[in-house]
Amino acid sequence: KAIKEQQAKSRLEKKMKKLEKLWRNKSGIKIGSATSGGVSQLDSSSASKKAENAALNEAAELKAWLRSKEIWMKDLFSVLVSKGVNGPDDFFLILDETMDEIKREVRVLRAQELKSNDAKMRLENILKKFEDEWRKSEGKEKKKKNNVYDEEKDEPPTPSQTSKQAASEALHEKGKHLKEWMRAQQVWNLALYEELISAGVTNPDNIGSIKQKDFNEIVRKVKVDRFSQLKSQTARASADKLLVKFEKLYKKAAKK
């Protein structure tokens, strides 16, 4: 009787070990992680889930915008939120180098899933469309392979399109040095740039010559026309920080 009980116990233990092995293979949890390590993994997973839900709630506007443009991608959304971009109103926070960084980080996050050329192509199409929308929002020119007009494929530009393009290019050329300076000083913002151009400031060397009264009016217009539309607290804080930094540069230039 004792021998039979021992054999039954042995068979039960073997079945339990086999069952545990199958469970570990499915769950990916290694031996020893079911104790304190297992609790740690559960806690980490729970914290990650909470962080993800918080991001979705805070950046609901960004999620809705990505879906409306048919470029929703969870990894792209996460990277943008990590950069302080919670909606299209925050796009001014993205510089050219920031855009390159965003695309690189998304590619890294998606690397394991990009096993086919089709998957890689879909990702690149989404990233390209997002960059095009960002450039459109910030008044930047689209990156083009060439500017040659194809008579067979393209419709000829209308006079209004030509004049608008000419005006845009003239404005871009006029404030080229100012834009480069603003980017270098990390105070680039389209609304601020346009107000400076309107005030006759097309070169960074002219910033110090702005009268205090005119400077205050420029800042006021930027806040009213642009920053008042920002809905997230993070975006407002970033916008205020940018203006404070620009004011310091202005005062430094005015002393010279």
C-alpha atoms as a PDB file:
ATOM      1  CA  LYS A   1       0.000   0.000   0.000  1.00  0.00           C
ATOM      2  CA  ALA A   2       2.808   2.404   0.911  1.00  0.00           C
ATOM      3  CA  ILE A   3       4.578   1.616  -2.370  1.00  0.00           C
ATOM      4  CA  LYS A   4       1.422   2.339  -4.380  1.00  0.00           C
ATOM      5  CA  GLU A   5       0.941   5.667  -2.569  1.00  0.00           C
ATOM      6  CA  GLN A   6       4.574   6.599  -3.242  1.00  0.00           C
ATOM      7  CA  GLN A   7       4.190   5.783  -6.951  1.00  0.00           C
ATOM      8  CA  ALA A   8       0.964   7.801  -7.176  1.00  0.00           C
ATOM      9  CA  LYS A   9       2.665  10.747  -5.472  1.00  0.00           C
ATOM     10  CA  SER A  10       5.608  10.523  -7.860  1.00  0.00           C
ATOM     11  CA  ARG A  11       3.297  10.495 -10.902  1.00  0.00           C
ATOM     12  CA  LEU A  12       1.399  13.512  -9.532  1.00  0.00           C
ATOM     13  CA  GLU A  13       4.624  15.469  -9.013  1.00  0.00           C
ATOM     14  CA  LYS A  14       5.744  14.706 -12.569  1.00  0.00           C
ATOM     15  CA  LYS A  15       2.397  15.913 -13.930  1.00  0.00           C
ATOM     16  CA  MET A  16       2.633  19.091 -11.823  1.00  0.00           C
ATOM     17  CA  LYS A  17       6.168  19.784 -13.080  1.00  0.00           C
ATOM     18  CA  LYS A  18       5.081  19.268 -16.666  1.00  0.00           C
ATOM     19  CA  LEU A  19       2.093  21.548 -16.164  1.00  0.00           C
ATOM     20  CA  GLU A  20       4.341  24.208 -14.588  1.00  0.00           C
ATOM     21  CA  LYS A  21       6.767  23.938 -17.501  1.00  0.00           C
ATOM     22  CA  LEU A  22       3.977  24.475 -20.023  1.00  0.00           C
ATOM     23  CA  TRP A  23       2.689  27.441 -18.032  1.00  0.00           C
ATOM     24  CA  ARG A  24       6.153  29.038 -17.874  1.00  0.00           C
ATOM     25  CA  ASN A  25       6.660  28.587 -21.614  1.00  0.00           C
ATOM     26  CA  LYS A  26       3.366  30.318 -22.302  1.00  0.00           C
ATOM     27  CA  SER A  27       3.791  33.134 -19.764  1.00  0.00           C
ATOM     28  CA  GLY A  28       7.517  33.685 -20.257  1.00  0.00           C
ATOM     29  CA  ILE A  29       8.110  33.670 -16.494  1.00  0.00           C
ATOM     30  CA  LYS A  30      11.307  31.942 -15.489  1.00  0.00           C
ATOM     31  CA  ILE A  31      11.857  29.693 -12.495  1.00  0.00           C
ATOM     32  CA  GLY A  32      12.122  31.672  -9.278  1.00  0.00           C
ATOM     33  CA  SER A  33      10.172  34.641 -10.617  1.00  0.00           C
ATOM     34  CA  ALA A  34       6.915  33.453  -9.090  1.00  0.00           C
ATOM     35  CA  THR A  35       8.065  34.726  -5.686  1.00  0.00           C
ATOM     36  CA  SER A  36       9.298  38.258  -5.075  1.00  0.00           C
ATOM     37  CA  GLY A  37      10.378  38.566  -8.738  1.00  0.00           C
ATOM     38  CA  GLY A  38       6.910  37.612  -9.902  1.00  0.00           C
ATOM     39  CA  VAL A  39       5.330  40.240  -7.678  1.00  0.00           C
ATOM     40  CA  SER A  40       7.816  42.768  -9.006  1.00  0.00           C
ATOM     41  CA  GLN A  41       6.848  41.914 -12.587  1.00  0.00           C
ATOM     42  CA  LEU A  42       3.169  42.299 -11.775  1.00  0.00           C
ATOM     43  CA  ASP A  43       3.819  45.620 -10.044  1.00  0.00           C
ATOM     44  CA  SER A  44       5.886  46.835 -12.996  1.00  0.00           C
ATOM     45  CA  SER A  45       3.212  45.768 -15.456  1.00  0.00           C
ATOM     46  CA  SER A  46       0.525  47.488 -13.382  1.00  0.00           C
ATOM     47  CA  ALA A  47       2.580  50.706 -13.154  1.00  0.00           C
ATOM     48  CA  SER A  48       3.207  50.625 -16.908  1.00  0.00           C
ATOM     49  CA  LYS A  49      -0.513  50.191 -17.559  1.00  0.00           C
ATOM     50  CA  LYS A  50      -1.354  53.130 -15.287  1.00  0.00           C
ATOM     51  CA  ALA A  51       1.228  55.319 -17.048  1.00  0.00           C
ATOM     52  CA  GLU A  52      -0.201  54.335 -20.416  1.00  0.00           C
ATOM     53  CA  ASN A  53      -3.762  55.165 -19.317  1.00  0.00           C
ATOM     54  CA  ALA A  54      -2.594  58.507 -17.902  1.00  0.00           C
ATOM     55  CA  ALA A  55      -0.925  59.364 -21.222  1.00  0.00           C
ATOM     56  CA  LEU A  56      -4.072  58.442 -23.151  1.00  0.00           C
ATOM     57  CA  ASN A  57      -6.187  60.659 -20.902  1.00  0.00           C
ATOM     58  CA  GLU A  58      -3.809  63.623 -20.949  1.00  0.00           C
ATOM     59  CA  ALA A  59      -3.154  63.401 -24.701  1.00  0.00           C
ATOM     60  CA  ALA A  60      -6.671  62.443 -25.844  1.00  0.00           C
ATOM     61  CA  GLU A  61      -6.562  65.295 -28.355  1.00  0.00           C
ATOM     62  CA  LEU A  62      -3.377  63.903 -29.933  1.00  0.00           C
ATOM     63  CA  LYS A  63      -4.888  60.424 -30.172  1.00  0.00           C
ATOM     64  CA  ALA A  64      -8.015  61.789 -31.847  1.00  0.00           C
ATOM     65  CA  TRP A  65      -5.921  63.826 -34.285  1.00  0.00           C
ATOM     66  CA  LEU A  66      -3.746  60.848 -35.252  1.00  0.00           C
ATOM     67  CA  ARG A  67      -6.866  58.757 -35.867  1.00  0.00           C
ATOM     68  CA  SER A  68      -8.493  61.516 -37.933  1.00  0.00           C
ATOM     69  CA  LYS A  69      -5.400  61.639 -40.153  1.00  0.00           C
ATOM     70  CA  GLU A  70      -5.371  57.816 -40.361  1.00  0.00           C
ATOM     71  CA  ILE A  71      -1.854  57.620 -38.940  1.00  0.00           C
ATOM     72  CA  TRP A  72      -2.645  56.224 -35.482  1.00  0.00           C
ATOM     73  CA  MET A  73       0.214  54.165 -34.118  1.00  0.00           C
ATOM     74  CA  LYS A  74       0.662  53.457 -30.427  1.00  0.00           C
ATOM     75  CA  ASP A  75       4.462  53.735 -30.536  1.00  0.00           C
ATOM     76  CA  LEU A  76       4.332  57.061 -32.399  1.00  0.00           C
ATOM     77  CA  PHE A  77       1.787  58.317 -29.869  1.00  0.00           C
ATOM     78  CA  SER A  78       3.984  57.264 -26.917  1.00  0.00           C
ATOM     79  CA  VAL A  79       7.103  58.908 -28.342  1.00  0.00           C
ATOM     80  CA  LEU A  80       5.254  62.162 -29.018  1.00  0.00           C
ATOM     81  CA  VAL A  81       3.815  62.262 -25.487  1.00  0.00           C
ATOM     82  CA  SER A  82       7.317  61.672 -24.070  1.00  0.00           C
ATOM     83  CA  LYS A  83       8.407  64.819 -25.969  1.00  0.00           C
ATOM     84  CA  GLY A  84       5.635  66.886 -24.362  1.00  0.00           C
ATOM     85  CA  VAL A  85       3.425  66.812 -27.473  1.00  0.00           C
ATOM     86  CA  ASN A  86      -0.147  66.183 -26.306  1.00  0.00           C
ATOM     87  CA  GLY A  87      -1.977  67.595 -29.301  1.00  0.00           C
ATOM     88  CA  PRO A  88      -1.485  69.364 -32.657  1.00  0.00           C
ATOM     89  CA  ASP A  89      -1.202  72.690 -30.815  1.00  0.00           C
ATOM     90  CA  ASP A  90       2.062  71.401 -29.345  1.00  0.00           C
ATOM     91  CA  PHE A  91       3.734  70.801 -32.715  1.00  0.00           C
ATOM     92  CA  PHE A  92       5.788  73.973 -32.300  1.00  0.00           C
ATOM     93  CA  LEU A  93       7.807  72.024 -29.722  1.00  0.00           C
ATOM     94  CA  ILE A  94       9.100  69.778 -32.512  1.00  0.00           C
ATOM     95  CA  LEU A  95      12.234  71.021 -34.255  1.00  0.00           C
ATOM     96  CA  ASP A  96      13.767  69.458 -37.366  1.00  0.00           C
ATOM     97  CA  GLU A  97      16.247  67.514 -35.253  1.00  0.00           C
ATOM     98  CA  THR A  98      13.448  66.500 -32.881  1.00  0.00           C
ATOM     99  CA  MET A  99      11.476  65.076 -35.814  1.00  0.00           C
ATOM    100  CA  ASP A 100      14.471  62.954 -36.841  1.00  0.00           C
ATOM    101  CA  GLU A 101      14.752  61.729 -33.253  1.00  0.00           C
ATOM    102  CA  ILE A 102      11.031  60.890 -33.084  1.00  0.00           C
ATOM    103  CA  LYS A 103      11.209  58.807 -36.258  1.00  0.00           C
ATOM    104  CA  ARG A 104      14.324  57.006 -35.041  1.00  0.00           C
ATOM    105  CA  GLU A 105      12.740  56.123 -31.679  1.00  0.00           C
ATOM    106  CA  VAL A 106       9.558  54.839 -33.355  1.00  0.00           C
ATOM    107  CA  ARG A 107      11.616  52.656 -35.698  1.00  0.00           C
ATOM    108  CA  VAL A 108      13.489  51.203 -32.710  1.00  0.00           C
ATOM    109  CA  LEU A 109      10.232  50.426 -30.873  1.00  0.00           C
ATOM    110  CA  ARG A 110       8.768  48.788 -33.970  1.00  0.00           C
ATOM    111  CA  ALA A 111      11.940  46.927 -34.977  1.00  0.00           C
ATOM    112  CA  GLN A 112      10.766  43.478 -33.828  1.00  0.00           C
ATOM    113  CA  GLU A 113       7.526  43.755 -35.805  1.00  0.00           C
ATOM    114  CA  LEU A 114       9.159  44.918 -39.040  1.00  0.00           C
ATOM    115  CA  LYS A 115       9.827  41.465 -40.444  1.00  0.00           C
ATOM    116  CA  SER A 116       8.388  42.057 -43.912  1.00  0.00           C
ATOM    117  CA  ASN A 117       8.943  44.757 -46.509  1.00  0.00           C
ATOM    118  CA  ASP A 118       5.218  45.558 -46.405  1.00  0.00           C
ATOM    119  CA  ALA A 119       5.397  46.262 -42.663  1.00  0.00           C
ATOM    120  CA  LYS A 120       8.431  48.503 -43.143  1.00  0.00           C
ATOM    121  CA  MET A 121       6.686  50.323 -45.981  1.00  0.00           C
ATOM    122  CA  ARG A 122       3.549  50.925 -43.870  1.00  0.00           C
ATOM    123  CA  LEU A 123       5.658  52.351 -41.053  1.00  0.00           C
ATOM    124  CA  GLU A 124       7.599  54.676 -43.358  1.00  0.00           C
ATOM    125  CA  ASN A 125       4.350  55.859 -44.981  1.00  0.00           C
ATOM    126  CA  ILE A 126       2.872  56.713 -41.575  1.00  0.00           C
ATOM    127  CA  LEU A 127       6.026  58.543 -40.483  1.00  0.00           C
ATOM    128  CA  LYS A 128       6.170  60.449 -43.775  1.00  0.00           C
ATOM    129  CA  LYS A 129       2.509  61.444 -43.549  1.00  0.00           C
ATOM    130  CA  PHE A 130       2.975  62.590 -39.951  1.00  0.00           C
ATOM    131  CA  GLU A 131       6.015  64.679 -40.930  1.00  0.00           C
ATOM    132  CA  ASP A 132       4.071  66.218 -43.838  1.00  0.00           C
ATOM    133  CA  GLU A 133       1.194  67.146 -41.506  1.00  0.00           C
ATOM    134  CA  TRP A 134       3.660  68.642 -39.013  1.00  0.00           C
ATOM    135  CA  ARG A 135       5.350  70.701 -41.732  1.00  0.00           C
ATOM    136  CA  LYS A 136       1.977  71.904 -42.968  1.00  0.00           C
ATOM    137  CA  SER A 137       0.946  72.889 -39.437  1.00  0.00           C
ATOM    138  CA  GLU A 138       4.172  74.793 -38.777  1.00  0.00           C
ATOM    139  CA  GLY A 139       4.379  76.451 -42.185  1.00  0.00           C
ATOM    140  CA  LYS A 140       7.426  74.466 -43.227  1.00  0.00           C
ATOM    141  CA  GLU A 141       8.128  73.445 -46.789  1.00  0.00           C
ATOM    142  CA  LYS A 142       7.628  69.788 -47.649  1.00  0.00           C
ATOM    143  CA  LYS A 143      10.656  67.720 -48.466  1.00  0.00           C
ATOM    144  CA  LYS A 144      10.542  66.956 -52.152  1.00  0.00           C
ATOM    145  CA  LYS A 145      12.689  64.693 -54.297  1.00  0.00           C
ATOM    146  CA  ASN A 146      12.601  67.336 -57.003  1.00  0.00           C
ATOM    147  CA  ASN A 147      10.643  70.401 -58.003  1.00  0.00           C
ATOM    148  CA  VAL A 148      10.275  69.490 -61.677  1.00  0.00           C
ATOM    149  CA  TYR A 149       6.770  69.975 -63.030  1.00  0.00           C
ATOM    150  CA  ASP A 150       5.498  66.920 -64.887  1.00  0.00           C
ATOM    151  CA  GLU A 151       3.059  68.037 -67.587  1.00  0.00           C
ATOM    152  CA  GLU A 152       1.702  64.523 -68.066  1.00  0.00           C
ATOM    153  CA  LYS A 153       0.957  63.787 -64.413  1.00  0.00           C
ATOM    154  CA  ASP A 154       0.447  67.128 -62.682  1.00  0.00           C
ATOM    155  CA  GLU A 155      -2.074  69.883 -63.123  1.00  0.00           C
ATOM    156  CA  PRO A 156      -0.466  73.253 -63.894  1.00  0.00           C
ATOM    157  CA  PRO A 157      -0.415  75.589 -60.871  1.00  0.00           C
ATOM    158  CA  THR A 158      -3.034  78.321 -60.841  1.00  0.00           C
ATOM    159  CA  PRO A 159      -1.954  81.998 -60.656  1.00  0.00           C
ATOM    160  CA  SER A 160      -3.176  82.216 -57.045  1.00  0.00           C
ATOM    161  CA  GLN A 161      -1.141  79.170 -56.079  1.00  0.00           C
ATOM    162  CA  THR A 162       1.900  80.607 -57.823  1.00  0.00           C
ATOM    163  CA  SER A 163       1.559  83.987 -56.084  1.00  0.00           C
ATOM    164  CA  LYS A 164       1.039  82.370 -52.677  1.00  0.00           C
ATOM    165  CA  GLN A 165       4.040  80.141 -53.201  1.00  0.00           C
ATOM    166  CA  ALA A 166       6.125  83.123 -54.312  1.00  0.00           C
ATOM    167  CA  ALA A 167       5.051  85.120 -51.249  1.00  0.00           C
ATOM    168  CA  SER A 168       5.849  82.185 -48.970  1.00  0.00           C
ATOM    169  CA  GLU A 169       9.245  81.677 -50.557  1.00  0.00           C
ATOM    170  CA  ALA A 170       9.980  85.403 -50.335  1.00  0.00           C
ATOM    171  CA  LEU A 171       9.091  85.422 -46.646  1.00  0.00           C
ATOM    172  CA  HIS A 172      11.224  82.321 -46.071  1.00  0.00           C
ATOM    173  CA  GLU A 173      14.206  83.892 -47.850  1.00  0.00           C
ATOM    174  CA  LYS A 174      13.713  87.228 -46.127  1.00  0.00           C
ATOM    175  CA  GLY A 175      13.921  85.763 -42.634  1.00  0.00           C
ATOM    176  CA  LYS A 176      16.290  82.923 -43.380  1.00  0.00           C
ATOM    177  CA  HIS A 177      19.014  84.080 -41.013  1.00  0.00           C
ATOM    178  CA  LEU A 178      16.479  84.896 -38.285  1.00  0.00           C
ATOM    179  CA  LYS A 179      14.951  81.412 -38.524  1.00  0.00           C
ATOM    180  CA  GLU A 180      18.372  79.751 -38.375  1.00  0.00           C
ATOM    181  CA  TRP A 181      19.265  81.829 -35.316  1.00  0.00           C
ATOM    182  CA  MET A 182      15.978  80.998 -33.543  1.00  0.00           C
ATOM    183  CA  ARG A 183      16.512  77.288 -34.142  1.00  0.00           C
ATOM    184  CA  ALA A 184      20.122  77.480 -32.950  1.00  0.00           C
ATOM    185  CA  GLN A 185      18.996  79.269 -29.768  1.00  0.00           C
ATOM    186  CA  GLN A 186      16.107  76.766 -29.334  1.00  0.00           C
ATOM    187  CA  VAL A 187      13.450  79.494 -29.379  1.00  0.00           C
ATOM    188  CA  TRP A 188      11.905  78.621 -32.741  1.00  0.00           C
ATOM    189  CA  ASN A 189       8.178  79.193 -32.965  1.00  0.00           C
ATOM    190  CA  LEU A 190       6.269  80.011 -36.151  1.00  0.00           C
ATOM    191  CA  ALA A 191       3.957  82.578 -34.544  1.00  0.00           C
ATOM    192  CA  LEU A 192       6.886  84.387 -32.878  1.00  0.00           C
ATOM    193  CA  TYR A 193       8.851  84.277 -36.143  1.00  0.00           C
ATOM    194  CA  GLU A 194       5.972  85.795 -38.127  1.00  0.00           C
ATOM    195  CA  GLU A 195       5.457  88.584 -35.567  1.00  0.00           C
ATOM    196  CA  LEU A 196       9.156  89.448 -35.704  1.00  0.00           C
ATOM    197  CA  ILE A 197       9.046  89.561 -39.527  1.00  0.00           C
ATOM    198  CA  SER A 198       5.943  91.790 -39.360  1.00  0.00           C
ATOM    199  CA  ALA A 199       7.835  94.116 -37.015  1.00  0.00           C
ATOM    200  CA  GLY A 200      10.617  94.408 -39.567  1.00  0.00           C
ATOM    201  CA  VAL A 201      13.050  92.115 -37.788  1.00  0.00           C
ATOM    202  CA  THR A 202      14.528  89.853 -40.459  1.00  0.00           C
ATOM    203  CA  ASN A 203      17.978  89.386 -38.980  1.00  0.00           C
ATOM    204  CA  PRO A 204      19.002  88.334 -35.435  1.00  0.00           C
ATOM    205  CA  ASP A 205      21.322  91.342 -35.298  1.00  0.00           C
ATOM    206  CA  ASN A 206      18.229  93.580 -35.303  1.00  0.00           C
ATOM    207  CA  ILE A 207      16.602  92.006 -32.244  1.00  0.00           C
ATOM    208  CA  GLY A 208      18.398  94.284 -29.815  1.00  0.00           C
ATOM    209  CA  SER A 209      17.059  97.348 -31.641  1.00  0.00           C
ATOM    210  CA  ILE A 210      13.423  96.496 -30.837  1.00  0.00           C
ATOM    211  CA  LYS A 211      11.902  98.999 -28.416  1.00  0.00           C
ATOM    212  CA  GLN A 212      10.602  97.571 -25.139  1.00  0.00           C
ATOM    213  CA  LYS A 213       7.064  98.700 -25.986  1.00  0.00           C
ATOM    214  CA  ASP A 214       7.189  96.946 -29.362  1.00  0.00           C
ATOM    215  CA  PHE A 215       8.736  93.849 -27.812  1.00  0.00           C
ATOM    216  CA  ASN A 216       5.914  93.630 -25.254  1.00  0.00           C
ATOM    217  CA  GLU A 217       3.374  93.943 -28.085  1.00  0.00           C
ATOM    218  CA  ILE A 218       5.044  91.120 -30.038  1.00  0.00           C
ATOM    219  CA  VAL A 219       4.955  88.823 -27.003  1.00  0.00           C
ATOM    220  CA  ARG A 220       1.337  89.754 -26.285  1.00  0.00           C
ATOM    221  CA  LYS A 221       0.260  88.930 -29.836  1.00  0.00           C
ATOM    222  CA  VAL A 222       2.058  85.591 -29.748  1.00  0.00           C
ATOM    223  CA  LYS A 223       0.367  84.662 -26.471  1.00  0.00           C
ATOM    224  CA  VAL A 224      -3.072  85.736 -27.679  1.00  0.00           C
ATOM    225  CA  ASP A 225      -2.885  84.326 -31.200  1.00  0.00           C
ATOM    226  CA  ARG A 226      -1.058  81.105 -30.511  1.00  0.00           C
ATOM    227  CA  PHE A 227      -0.426  80.097 -26.920  1.00  0.00           C
ATOM    228  CA  SER A 228      -3.979  80.819 -25.753  1.00  0.00           C
ATOM    229  CA  GLN A 229      -5.082  77.891 -27.941  1.00  0.00           C
ATOM    230  CA  LEU A 230      -2.931  75.397 -26.051  1.00  0.00           C
ATOM    231  CA  LYS A 231      -5.056  73.106 -23.912  1.00  0.00           C
ATOM    232  CA  SER A 232      -2.553  70.983 -22.003  1.00  0.00           C
ATOM    233  CA  GLN A 233      -0.665  72.290 -18.998  1.00  0.00           C
ATOM    234  CA  THR A 234       2.583  70.811 -20.299  1.00  0.00           C
ATOM    235  CA  ALA A 235       2.294  72.661 -23.603  1.00  0.00           C
ATOM    236  CA  ARG A 236       1.538  75.976 -21.873  1.00  0.00           C
ATOM    237  CA  ALA A 237       4.529  75.560 -19.563  1.00  0.00           C
ATOM    238  CA  SER A 238       6.800  74.807 -22.529  1.00  0.00           C
ATOM    239  CA  ALA A 239       5.456  77.814 -24.439  1.00  0.00           C
ATOM    240  CA  ASP A 240       6.012  80.165 -21.502  1.00  0.00           C
ATOM    241  CA  LYS A 241       9.510  78.767 -21.032  1.00  0.00           C
ATOM    242  CA  LEU A 242      10.279  79.491 -24.700  1.00  0.00           C
ATOM    243  CA  LEU A 243       9.126  83.115 -24.411  1.00  0.00           C
ATOM    244  CA  VAL A 244      11.091  83.646 -21.195  1.00  0.00           C
ATOM    245  CA  LYS A 245      14.223  82.346 -22.914  1.00  0.00           C
ATOM    246  CA  PHE A 246      13.610  84.599 -25.917  1.00  0.00           C
ATOM    247  CA  GLU A 247      13.130  87.626 -23.637  1.00  0.00           C
ATOM    248  CA  LYS A 248      16.494  86.922 -21.991  1.00  0.00           C
ATOM    249  CA  LEU A 249      18.144  86.827 -25.427  1.00  0.00           C
ATOM    250  CA  TYR A 250      16.407  90.099 -26.347  1.00  0.00           C
ATOM    251  CA  LYS A 251      17.585  91.876 -23.163  1.00  0.00           C
ATOM    252  CA  LYS A 252      21.111  90.615 -23.693  1.00  0.00           C
ATOM    253  CA  ALA A 253      21.105  91.912 -27.261  1.00  0.00           C
ATOM    254  CA  ALA A 254      19.589  95.270 -26.195  1.00  0.00           C
ATOM    255  CA  LYS A 255      22.482  95.922 -23.797  1.00  0.00           C
ATOM    256  CA  LYS A 256      25.067  95.759 -26.581  1.00  0.00           C
END
